[in-house]
N, C-alpha and C. Protein backbone atom coordinates (compact mmCIF):
# COMPACT_ATOMS: atom_id res chain seq x y z
N UNK A 1 156.08 103.23 186.73
CA UNK A 1 156.53 102.45 185.64
C UNK A 1 155.79 102.69 184.35
N UNK A 2 154.54 102.79 184.41
CA UNK A 2 153.75 103.01 183.21
C UNK A 2 153.50 104.48 182.97
N UNK A 3 154.31 105.33 183.47
CA UNK A 3 154.03 106.75 183.36
C UNK A 3 154.16 107.23 181.92
N UNK A 4 155.03 106.71 181.19
CA UNK A 4 155.22 107.18 179.83
C UNK A 4 154.17 106.65 178.87
N UNK A 5 153.51 105.63 179.20
CA UNK A 5 152.54 105.04 178.28
C UNK A 5 151.19 105.73 178.38
N UNK A 6 150.82 106.21 179.41
CA UNK A 6 149.54 106.86 179.59
C UNK A 6 148.42 105.85 179.70
N UNK A 7 147.21 106.33 179.63
CA UNK A 7 146.02 105.51 179.79
C UNK A 7 145.79 104.71 178.51
N UNK A 8 145.48 103.45 178.65
CA UNK A 8 145.27 102.56 177.51
C UNK A 8 144.04 103.02 176.72
N UNK A 9 143.01 103.51 177.38
CA UNK A 9 141.79 103.95 176.69
C UNK A 9 142.07 105.18 175.81
N UNK A 10 143.04 105.98 176.21
CA UNK A 10 143.36 107.17 175.44
C UNK A 10 144.05 106.78 174.13
N UNK A 11 144.68 105.66 174.10
CA UNK A 11 145.40 105.22 172.90
C UNK A 11 144.45 104.72 171.81
N UNK A 12 143.27 104.28 172.18
CA UNK A 12 142.31 103.80 171.18
C UNK A 12 141.79 104.98 170.39
N UNK A 13 141.60 104.80 169.07
CA UNK A 13 141.02 105.90 168.31
C UNK A 13 139.56 106.08 168.69
N UNK A 14 139.11 107.31 168.67
CA UNK A 14 137.72 107.58 169.02
C UNK A 14 136.85 107.26 167.81
N UNK A 15 135.73 106.63 168.06
CA UNK A 15 134.81 106.26 166.97
C UNK A 15 133.59 107.13 167.05
N UNK A 16 133.07 107.48 165.84
CA UNK A 16 131.85 108.28 165.79
C UNK A 16 130.70 107.36 165.46
N UNK A 17 129.46 107.91 165.44
CA UNK A 17 128.28 107.11 165.15
C UNK A 17 128.33 106.60 163.71
N UNK A 18 128.85 107.41 162.78
CA UNK A 18 128.96 107.00 161.37
C UNK A 18 129.92 105.83 161.22
N UNK A 19 131.03 105.89 162.01
CA UNK A 19 131.98 104.79 161.95
C UNK A 19 131.34 103.51 162.41
N UNK A 20 130.49 103.60 163.43
CA UNK A 20 129.80 102.42 163.94
C UNK A 20 128.85 101.88 162.87
N UNK A 21 128.13 102.77 162.14
CA UNK A 21 127.19 102.35 161.10
C UNK A 21 127.95 101.68 159.95
N UNK A 22 129.11 102.27 159.61
CA UNK A 22 129.91 101.66 158.54
C UNK A 22 130.40 100.29 158.95
N UNK A 23 130.81 100.16 160.23
CA UNK A 23 131.28 98.87 160.72
C UNK A 23 130.16 97.86 160.70
N UNK A 24 128.94 98.29 161.02
CA UNK A 24 127.80 97.37 161.07
C UNK A 24 127.39 96.99 159.65
N UNK A 25 127.39 97.98 158.70
CA UNK A 25 126.91 97.71 157.36
C UNK A 25 127.94 97.02 156.48
N UNK A 26 129.20 97.11 156.79
CA UNK A 26 130.22 96.44 156.00
C UNK A 26 130.69 95.24 156.80
N UNK A 27 130.31 94.10 156.31
CA UNK A 27 130.75 92.87 156.96
C UNK A 27 131.50 92.06 155.94
N UNK A 28 132.64 91.63 156.31
CA UNK A 28 133.51 90.83 155.45
C UNK A 28 133.79 91.53 154.11
N UNK A 29 133.94 92.82 154.08
CA UNK A 29 134.29 93.56 152.88
C UNK A 29 133.13 93.76 151.92
N UNK A 30 131.89 93.39 152.25
CA UNK A 30 130.74 93.57 151.37
C UNK A 30 130.27 95.01 151.44
N UNK A 31 129.76 95.59 150.31
CA UNK A 31 129.31 96.97 150.33
C UNK A 31 128.04 97.12 151.18
N UNK A 32 127.77 98.32 151.57
CA UNK A 32 126.60 98.57 152.40
C UNK A 32 125.32 98.32 151.61
N UNK A 33 124.22 98.16 152.35
CA UNK A 33 122.91 97.93 151.73
C UNK A 33 122.53 99.08 150.82
N UNK A 34 122.81 100.30 151.30
CA UNK A 34 122.47 101.48 150.52
C UNK A 34 123.27 101.49 149.21
N UNK A 35 124.52 101.14 149.32
CA UNK A 35 125.38 101.10 148.14
C UNK A 35 124.91 100.00 147.18
N UNK A 36 124.51 98.85 147.73
CA UNK A 36 123.99 97.77 146.90
C UNK A 36 122.72 98.20 146.18
N UNK A 37 121.83 98.89 146.88
CA UNK A 37 120.59 99.38 146.25
C UNK A 37 120.90 100.36 145.13
N UNK A 38 121.86 101.23 145.35
CA UNK A 38 122.25 102.18 144.30
C UNK A 38 122.80 101.45 143.09
N UNK A 39 123.61 100.44 143.35
CA UNK A 39 124.19 99.66 142.25
C UNK A 39 123.08 98.93 141.48
N UNK A 40 122.12 98.36 142.21
CA UNK A 40 121.01 97.65 141.56
C UNK A 40 120.14 98.61 140.77
N UNK A 41 119.88 99.80 141.32
CA UNK A 41 119.10 100.80 140.59
C UNK A 41 119.80 101.20 139.30
N UNK A 42 121.11 101.35 139.38
CA UNK A 42 121.89 101.69 138.20
C UNK A 42 121.82 100.57 137.16
N UNK A 43 121.93 99.33 137.63
CA UNK A 43 121.84 98.18 136.74
C UNK A 43 120.46 98.09 136.09
N UNK A 44 119.41 98.34 136.87
CA UNK A 44 118.04 98.33 136.33
C UNK A 44 117.89 99.42 135.28
N UNK A 45 118.44 100.59 135.55
CA UNK A 45 118.38 101.69 134.58
C UNK A 45 119.07 101.31 133.28
N UNK A 46 120.23 100.67 133.38
CA UNK A 46 120.96 100.24 132.18
C UNK A 46 120.17 99.18 131.41
N UNK A 47 119.54 98.26 132.15
CA UNK A 47 118.75 97.22 131.49
C UNK A 47 117.51 97.81 130.81
N UNK A 48 116.87 98.78 131.47
CA UNK A 48 115.70 99.45 130.86
C UNK A 48 116.11 100.16 129.58
N UNK A 49 117.26 100.85 129.65
CA UNK A 49 117.76 101.55 128.47
C UNK A 49 118.05 100.57 127.34
N UNK A 50 118.67 99.47 127.69
CA UNK A 50 118.99 98.44 126.69
C UNK A 50 117.72 97.86 126.08
N UNK A 51 116.72 97.60 126.93
CA UNK A 51 115.44 97.07 126.45
C UNK A 51 114.77 98.05 125.50
N UNK A 52 114.77 99.34 125.86
CA UNK A 52 114.17 100.35 124.98
C UNK A 52 114.89 100.40 123.64
N UNK A 53 116.22 100.33 123.67
CA UNK A 53 116.99 100.36 122.42
C UNK A 53 116.70 99.12 121.56
N UNK A 54 116.65 97.95 122.22
CA UNK A 54 116.35 96.72 121.47
C UNK A 54 114.94 96.75 120.90
N UNK A 55 114.00 97.27 121.66
CA UNK A 55 112.62 97.39 121.18
C UNK A 55 112.56 98.31 119.97
N UNK A 56 113.26 99.43 120.04
CA UNK A 56 113.29 100.37 118.91
C UNK A 56 113.96 99.73 117.70
N UNK A 57 115.07 99.02 117.92
CA UNK A 57 115.75 98.35 116.82
C UNK A 57 114.84 97.31 116.17
N UNK A 58 114.13 96.53 117.00
CA UNK A 58 113.23 95.52 116.46
C UNK A 58 112.09 96.16 115.68
N UNK A 59 111.54 97.25 116.21
CA UNK A 59 110.46 97.95 115.51
C UNK A 59 110.95 98.46 114.16
N UNK A 60 112.15 99.03 114.13
CA UNK A 60 112.73 99.50 112.85
C UNK A 60 112.96 98.33 111.90
N UNK A 61 113.44 97.21 112.43
CA UNK A 61 113.66 96.02 111.61
C UNK A 61 112.33 95.53 111.01
N UNK A 62 111.29 95.49 111.84
CA UNK A 62 109.97 95.04 111.37
C UNK A 62 109.45 95.96 110.26
N UNK A 63 109.56 97.28 110.46
CA UNK A 63 109.10 98.23 109.45
C UNK A 63 109.91 98.09 108.16
N UNK A 64 111.23 97.92 108.29
CA UNK A 64 112.08 97.76 107.11
C UNK A 64 111.72 96.48 106.36
N UNK A 65 111.44 95.40 107.11
CA UNK A 65 111.07 94.13 106.48
C UNK A 65 109.76 94.27 105.73
N UNK A 66 108.79 94.95 106.32
CA UNK A 66 107.50 95.16 105.64
C UNK A 66 107.71 95.97 104.35
N UNK A 67 108.54 97.03 104.44
CA UNK A 67 108.84 97.84 103.24
C UNK A 67 109.50 97.00 102.16
N UNK A 68 110.48 96.17 102.57
CA UNK A 68 111.19 95.34 101.59
C UNK A 68 110.26 94.31 100.96
N UNK A 69 109.36 93.72 101.77
CA UNK A 69 108.39 92.77 101.21
C UNK A 69 107.49 93.44 100.20
N UNK A 70 106.99 94.63 100.53
CA UNK A 70 106.13 95.36 99.61
C UNK A 70 106.86 95.69 98.31
N UNK A 71 108.11 96.12 98.45
CA UNK A 71 108.89 96.44 97.25
C UNK A 71 109.14 95.19 96.42
N UNK A 72 109.45 94.08 97.10
CA UNK A 72 109.67 92.81 96.38
C UNK A 72 108.41 92.41 95.64
N UNK A 73 107.26 92.48 96.35
CA UNK A 73 105.98 92.12 95.73
C UNK A 73 105.69 93.02 94.53
N UNK A 74 106.01 94.29 94.67
CA UNK A 74 105.72 95.27 93.63
C UNK A 74 106.52 94.99 92.36
N UNK A 75 107.78 94.54 92.52
CA UNK A 75 108.65 94.36 91.37
C UNK A 75 109.01 92.90 91.09
N UNK A 76 108.34 91.96 91.75
CA UNK A 76 108.66 90.53 91.58
C UNK A 76 108.41 90.05 90.16
N UNK A 77 107.44 90.62 89.50
CA UNK A 77 107.09 90.16 88.16
C UNK A 77 107.84 90.91 87.06
N UNK A 78 108.82 91.71 87.44
CA UNK A 78 109.55 92.52 86.46
C UNK A 78 110.15 91.68 85.34
N UNK A 79 110.89 90.61 85.65
CA UNK A 79 111.52 89.79 84.62
C UNK A 79 110.49 89.12 83.73
N UNK A 80 109.40 88.62 84.34
CA UNK A 80 108.33 88.01 83.55
C UNK A 80 107.73 89.02 82.58
N UNK A 81 107.47 90.21 83.07
CA UNK A 81 106.87 91.23 82.21
C UNK A 81 107.80 91.63 81.07
N UNK A 82 109.09 91.67 81.33
CA UNK A 82 110.03 91.98 80.24
C UNK A 82 109.94 90.94 79.13
N UNK A 83 109.81 89.68 79.52
CA UNK A 83 109.68 88.63 78.50
C UNK A 83 108.32 88.71 77.80
N UNK A 84 107.28 89.05 78.54
CA UNK A 84 105.94 89.14 77.94
C UNK A 84 105.81 90.34 77.02
N UNK A 85 106.62 91.37 77.23
CA UNK A 85 106.61 92.51 76.31
C UNK A 85 107.00 92.06 74.91
N UNK A 86 107.95 91.13 74.82
CA UNK A 86 108.34 90.59 73.51
C UNK A 86 107.16 89.88 72.84
N UNK A 87 106.41 89.11 73.62
CA UNK A 87 105.23 88.43 73.08
C UNK A 87 104.21 89.46 72.61
N UNK A 88 104.00 90.48 73.43
CA UNK A 88 103.09 91.57 73.08
C UNK A 88 103.48 92.21 71.74
N UNK A 89 104.77 92.52 71.61
CA UNK A 89 105.25 93.14 70.37
C UNK A 89 105.11 92.20 69.18
N UNK A 90 105.35 90.91 69.40
CA UNK A 90 105.18 89.94 68.30
C UNK A 90 103.72 89.82 67.89
N UNK A 91 102.81 89.87 68.85
CA UNK A 91 101.38 89.86 68.50
C UNK A 91 101.01 91.11 67.71
N UNK A 92 101.54 92.26 68.10
CA UNK A 92 101.28 93.49 67.35
C UNK A 92 101.76 93.36 65.91
N UNK A 93 102.98 92.83 65.74
CA UNK A 93 103.52 92.64 64.38
C UNK A 93 102.66 91.66 63.58
N UNK A 94 102.21 90.58 64.24
CA UNK A 94 101.38 89.58 63.55
C UNK A 94 100.06 90.21 63.10
N UNK A 95 99.46 91.04 63.94
CA UNK A 95 98.20 91.69 63.56
C UNK A 95 98.41 92.66 62.40
N UNK A 96 99.50 93.40 62.43
CA UNK A 96 99.80 94.34 61.35
C UNK A 96 100.04 93.60 60.03
N UNK A 97 100.79 92.50 60.10
CA UNK A 97 101.06 91.76 58.86
C UNK A 97 99.80 91.06 58.37
N UNK A 98 98.90 90.67 59.26
CA UNK A 98 97.64 90.03 58.85
C UNK A 98 96.76 91.00 58.08
N UNK A 99 96.83 92.27 58.42
CA UNK A 99 96.02 93.28 57.73
C UNK A 99 96.48 93.48 56.29
N UNK A 100 97.74 93.27 56.04
CA UNK A 100 98.29 93.55 54.71
C UNK A 100 98.48 92.34 53.83
N UNK A 101 97.95 91.17 54.21
CA UNK A 101 98.15 89.97 53.40
C UNK A 101 96.85 89.18 53.27
N UNK A 102 96.78 88.45 52.18
CA UNK A 102 95.64 87.55 51.98
C UNK A 102 96.05 86.11 52.26
N UNK A 103 97.34 85.89 52.56
CA UNK A 103 97.86 84.55 52.83
C UNK A 103 97.56 84.16 54.28
N UNK A 104 96.44 83.49 54.47
CA UNK A 104 96.00 83.09 55.81
C UNK A 104 96.99 82.12 56.44
N UNK A 105 97.60 81.28 55.64
CA UNK A 105 98.54 80.28 56.14
C UNK A 105 99.73 80.91 56.85
N UNK A 106 100.26 81.98 56.28
CA UNK A 106 101.42 82.64 56.91
C UNK A 106 101.01 83.36 58.19
N UNK A 107 99.79 83.90 58.23
CA UNK A 107 99.29 84.55 59.45
C UNK A 107 99.12 83.52 60.56
N UNK A 108 98.54 82.38 60.22
CA UNK A 108 98.35 81.32 61.21
C UNK A 108 99.71 80.85 61.72
N UNK A 109 100.66 80.67 60.82
CA UNK A 109 102.01 80.22 61.20
C UNK A 109 102.66 81.24 62.14
N UNK A 110 102.52 82.53 61.86
CA UNK A 110 103.08 83.58 62.72
C UNK A 110 102.45 83.59 64.10
N UNK A 111 101.13 83.45 64.15
CA UNK A 111 100.42 83.43 65.44
C UNK A 111 100.82 82.19 66.24
N UNK A 112 100.98 81.06 65.55
CA UNK A 112 101.42 79.84 66.25
C UNK A 112 102.82 80.02 66.85
N UNK A 113 103.69 80.70 66.14
CA UNK A 113 105.04 80.95 66.66
C UNK A 113 105.00 81.82 67.91
N UNK A 114 104.16 82.85 67.88
CA UNK A 114 104.02 83.74 69.05
C UNK A 114 103.41 82.96 70.22
N UNK A 115 102.43 82.11 69.92
CA UNK A 115 101.80 81.30 70.97
C UNK A 115 102.82 80.37 71.62
N UNK A 116 103.67 79.74 70.81
CA UNK A 116 104.71 78.85 71.36
C UNK A 116 105.69 79.64 72.24
N UNK A 117 106.03 80.84 71.83
CA UNK A 117 106.91 81.69 72.63
C UNK A 117 106.24 81.99 73.98
N UNK A 118 104.96 82.31 73.93
CA UNK A 118 104.19 82.62 75.14
C UNK A 118 104.14 81.42 76.08
N UNK A 119 103.82 80.25 75.56
CA UNK A 119 103.75 79.03 76.36
C UNK A 119 105.11 78.71 76.97
N UNK A 120 106.16 78.89 76.19
CA UNK A 120 107.51 78.63 76.68
C UNK A 120 107.85 79.51 77.88
N UNK A 121 107.49 80.78 77.83
CA UNK A 121 107.74 81.70 78.94
C UNK A 121 106.96 81.24 80.17
N UNK A 122 105.69 80.88 80.00
CA UNK A 122 104.86 80.44 81.13
C UNK A 122 105.42 79.17 81.76
N UNK A 123 105.85 78.23 80.93
CA UNK A 123 106.42 76.98 81.46
C UNK A 123 107.72 77.24 82.20
N UNK A 124 108.53 78.16 81.69
CA UNK A 124 109.78 78.50 82.36
C UNK A 124 109.51 79.08 83.75
N UNK A 125 108.38 79.76 83.91
CA UNK A 125 108.01 80.35 85.20
C UNK A 125 107.34 79.31 86.12
N UNK A 126 107.14 78.08 85.64
CA UNK A 126 106.59 77.01 86.49
C UNK A 126 105.12 76.72 86.26
N UNK A 127 104.52 77.31 85.24
CA UNK A 127 103.10 77.07 84.96
C UNK A 127 102.96 75.83 84.10
N UNK A 128 102.07 74.93 84.52
CA UNK A 128 101.81 73.71 83.74
C UNK A 128 100.30 73.54 83.59
N UNK A 129 99.88 73.20 82.40
CA UNK A 129 98.47 72.95 82.14
C UNK A 129 98.13 71.54 82.61
N UNK A 130 97.00 71.40 83.28
CA UNK A 130 96.57 70.08 83.75
C UNK A 130 96.08 69.24 82.58
N UNK A 131 96.48 68.00 82.58
CA UNK A 131 95.96 67.04 81.62
C UNK A 131 94.90 66.23 82.36
N UNK A 132 93.64 66.49 82.08
CA UNK A 132 92.56 65.90 82.89
C UNK A 132 91.74 64.85 82.16
N UNK A 133 91.59 64.98 80.88
CA UNK A 133 90.70 64.12 80.12
C UNK A 133 91.06 62.65 80.33
N UNK A 134 90.10 61.87 80.81
CA UNK A 134 90.30 60.44 81.06
C UNK A 134 90.83 60.16 82.46
N UNK A 135 91.20 61.19 83.21
CA UNK A 135 91.72 61.00 84.58
C UNK A 135 90.56 60.85 85.56
N UNK A 136 90.86 60.36 86.74
CA UNK A 136 89.85 60.24 87.78
C UNK A 136 89.63 61.63 88.41
N UNK A 137 88.38 61.96 88.70
CA UNK A 137 88.04 63.24 89.31
C UNK A 137 88.72 63.38 90.67
N UNK A 138 89.37 64.51 90.88
CA UNK A 138 90.03 64.82 92.15
C UNK A 138 89.52 66.19 92.60
N UNK A 139 88.78 66.26 93.69
CA UNK A 139 88.20 67.55 94.10
C UNK A 139 89.25 68.61 94.47
N UNK A 140 90.49 68.21 94.69
CA UNK A 140 91.55 69.18 95.00
C UNK A 140 92.11 69.82 93.74
N UNK A 141 91.88 69.19 92.59
CA UNK A 141 92.40 69.71 91.33
C UNK A 141 91.31 70.07 90.32
N UNK A 142 90.12 69.53 90.53
CA UNK A 142 89.06 69.70 89.53
C UNK A 142 87.80 70.26 90.18
N UNK A 143 87.04 70.97 89.38
CA UNK A 143 85.75 71.49 89.79
C UNK A 143 84.71 70.87 88.86
N UNK A 144 83.81 70.07 89.43
CA UNK A 144 82.81 69.38 88.60
C UNK A 144 81.72 70.37 88.20
N UNK A 145 81.58 70.58 86.91
CA UNK A 145 80.54 71.47 86.39
C UNK A 145 79.24 70.70 86.21
N UNK A 146 79.38 69.43 85.82
CA UNK A 146 78.19 68.57 85.69
C UNK A 146 78.61 67.12 85.69
N UNK A 147 77.66 66.26 86.03
CA UNK A 147 77.84 64.81 85.97
C UNK A 147 76.96 64.29 84.84
N UNK A 148 77.52 63.44 84.02
CA UNK A 148 76.79 62.90 82.87
C UNK A 148 76.85 61.38 82.94
N UNK A 149 75.68 60.75 82.74
CA UNK A 149 75.66 59.28 82.68
C UNK A 149 76.35 58.85 81.40
N UNK A 150 77.30 57.95 81.56
CA UNK A 150 78.05 57.49 80.39
C UNK A 150 78.44 56.03 80.62
N UNK A 151 77.84 55.12 79.87
CA UNK A 151 78.10 53.69 80.10
C UNK A 151 79.51 53.24 79.67
N UNK A 152 80.17 54.01 78.82
CA UNK A 152 81.49 53.60 78.32
C UNK A 152 82.65 54.01 79.24
N UNK A 153 82.37 54.78 80.28
CA UNK A 153 83.43 55.25 81.19
C UNK A 153 83.11 54.82 82.61
N UNK A 154 84.16 54.62 83.38
CA UNK A 154 83.98 54.29 84.80
C UNK A 154 83.43 55.50 85.54
N UNK A 155 82.87 55.25 86.70
CA UNK A 155 82.34 56.31 87.57
C UNK A 155 83.48 57.27 87.94
N UNK A 156 83.17 58.58 87.99
CA UNK A 156 84.11 59.65 88.38
C UNK A 156 85.28 59.83 87.43
N UNK A 157 85.09 59.50 86.15
CA UNK A 157 86.12 59.74 85.14
C UNK A 157 85.80 61.06 84.45
N UNK A 158 86.83 61.86 84.20
CA UNK A 158 86.62 63.15 83.52
C UNK A 158 86.46 62.87 82.04
N UNK A 159 85.30 63.30 81.50
CA UNK A 159 85.02 63.05 80.09
C UNK A 159 84.98 64.34 79.27
N UNK A 160 85.07 65.47 79.94
CA UNK A 160 85.08 66.75 79.22
C UNK A 160 85.72 67.84 80.06
N UNK A 161 86.37 68.78 79.38
CA UNK A 161 87.00 69.91 80.09
C UNK A 161 86.35 71.19 79.60
N UNK A 162 85.68 71.89 80.52
CA UNK A 162 85.03 73.17 80.19
C UNK A 162 86.03 74.32 80.24
N UNK A 163 86.92 74.27 81.20
CA UNK A 163 87.96 75.29 81.37
C UNK A 163 89.20 74.60 81.91
N UNK A 164 90.34 74.75 81.25
CA UNK A 164 91.54 74.03 81.72
C UNK A 164 92.02 74.54 83.08
N UNK A 165 92.68 73.65 83.81
CA UNK A 165 93.27 74.01 85.09
C UNK A 165 94.78 74.11 84.94
N UNK A 166 95.39 74.76 85.93
CA UNK A 166 96.83 74.98 85.85
C UNK A 166 97.49 74.75 87.21
N UNK A 167 98.73 74.24 87.15
CA UNK A 167 99.59 74.12 88.33
C UNK A 167 100.63 75.22 88.24
N UNK A 168 101.01 75.76 89.38
CA UNK A 168 102.18 76.62 89.47
C UNK A 168 103.18 75.83 90.29
N UNK A 169 104.19 75.31 89.61
CA UNK A 169 105.12 74.33 90.18
C UNK A 169 104.27 73.12 90.59
N UNK A 170 104.16 72.79 91.85
CA UNK A 170 103.37 71.60 92.22
C UNK A 170 102.04 71.98 92.86
N UNK A 171 101.74 73.25 92.97
CA UNK A 171 100.51 73.70 93.62
C UNK A 171 99.45 74.05 92.58
N UNK A 172 98.18 73.74 92.91
CA UNK A 172 97.08 74.07 92.00
C UNK A 172 96.91 75.58 91.99
N UNK A 173 97.08 76.18 90.82
CA UNK A 173 96.87 77.61 90.67
C UNK A 173 95.39 77.88 90.37
N UNK A 174 94.85 77.09 89.47
CA UNK A 174 93.42 77.20 89.14
C UNK A 174 92.90 75.80 88.85
N UNK A 175 91.82 75.38 89.53
CA UNK A 175 91.28 74.05 89.26
C UNK A 175 90.63 74.01 87.87
N UNK A 176 90.63 72.82 87.29
CA UNK A 176 89.99 72.64 85.98
C UNK A 176 88.49 72.46 86.18
N UNK A 177 87.72 73.10 85.34
CA UNK A 177 86.26 72.92 85.35
C UNK A 177 85.97 71.78 84.39
N UNK A 178 85.38 70.69 84.91
CA UNK A 178 85.26 69.46 84.12
C UNK A 178 83.86 68.87 84.17
N UNK A 179 83.63 67.97 83.20
CA UNK A 179 82.43 67.14 83.17
C UNK A 179 82.85 65.76 83.63
N UNK A 180 82.09 65.19 84.56
CA UNK A 180 82.46 63.92 85.18
C UNK A 180 81.40 62.87 84.84
N UNK A 181 81.88 61.66 84.56
CA UNK A 181 80.96 60.58 84.20
C UNK A 181 80.39 59.93 85.46
N UNK A 182 79.22 59.40 85.29
CA UNK A 182 78.67 58.56 86.34
C UNK A 182 77.97 57.40 85.63
N UNK A 183 77.84 56.31 86.32
CA UNK A 183 77.21 55.14 85.71
C UNK A 183 75.71 55.38 85.60
N UNK A 184 75.12 54.84 84.55
CA UNK A 184 73.67 55.00 84.42
C UNK A 184 72.96 54.24 85.54
N UNK A 185 71.91 54.84 86.00
CA UNK A 185 71.13 54.16 87.05
C UNK A 185 70.36 53.03 86.41
N UNK A 186 70.36 51.90 87.10
CA UNK A 186 69.63 50.74 86.60
C UNK A 186 68.15 51.03 86.73
N UNK A 187 67.42 50.80 85.66
CA UNK A 187 65.98 51.10 85.70
C UNK A 187 65.25 50.11 86.59
N UNK A 188 64.42 50.64 87.45
CA UNK A 188 63.62 49.80 88.32
C UNK A 188 64.33 49.41 89.62
N UNK A 189 65.62 49.57 89.70
CA UNK A 189 66.35 49.22 90.92
C UNK A 189 66.57 50.45 91.77
N UNK A 190 66.52 50.24 93.06
CA UNK A 190 66.83 51.33 93.95
C UNK A 190 67.18 50.86 95.29
């Protein structure tokens, strides 16, 4: 009866050792361990390459930023200097006209005009002269050159300015060198 079918074992496909390894390493459609390692190595290589490129890009960005800062610093005062050139030229003209005239009043008037132009430029750039006389001494804005006993002023009042101080916007650019009052010491008391 079963003559036409032959042996059941003969109908099964023959398996080799590699087929057995593939069957063991592939479970539920997952790739083999070796294949996974290759994929991970490839991914690591891509990440290393990406890291190297990002590092190079960042290094180039840093160098470019340093160059741009240096260039900005180098030419930041360009507009100010253009305005100061006008003051320079006006001072030259004032000196030349002073040599050829005996009218001191007109020379003084010309120099005052140039000085006002100069002050205007400095104020436009944010420079302000400190008004210290009569103010209370502040060590963040003033530098005490000497203390003088003065009965008419309160202790730590600025009574003299040796060198004016300046603000650049709201920051102290140069402290004022000042003379500060102190109360006279009572004789015999201590």
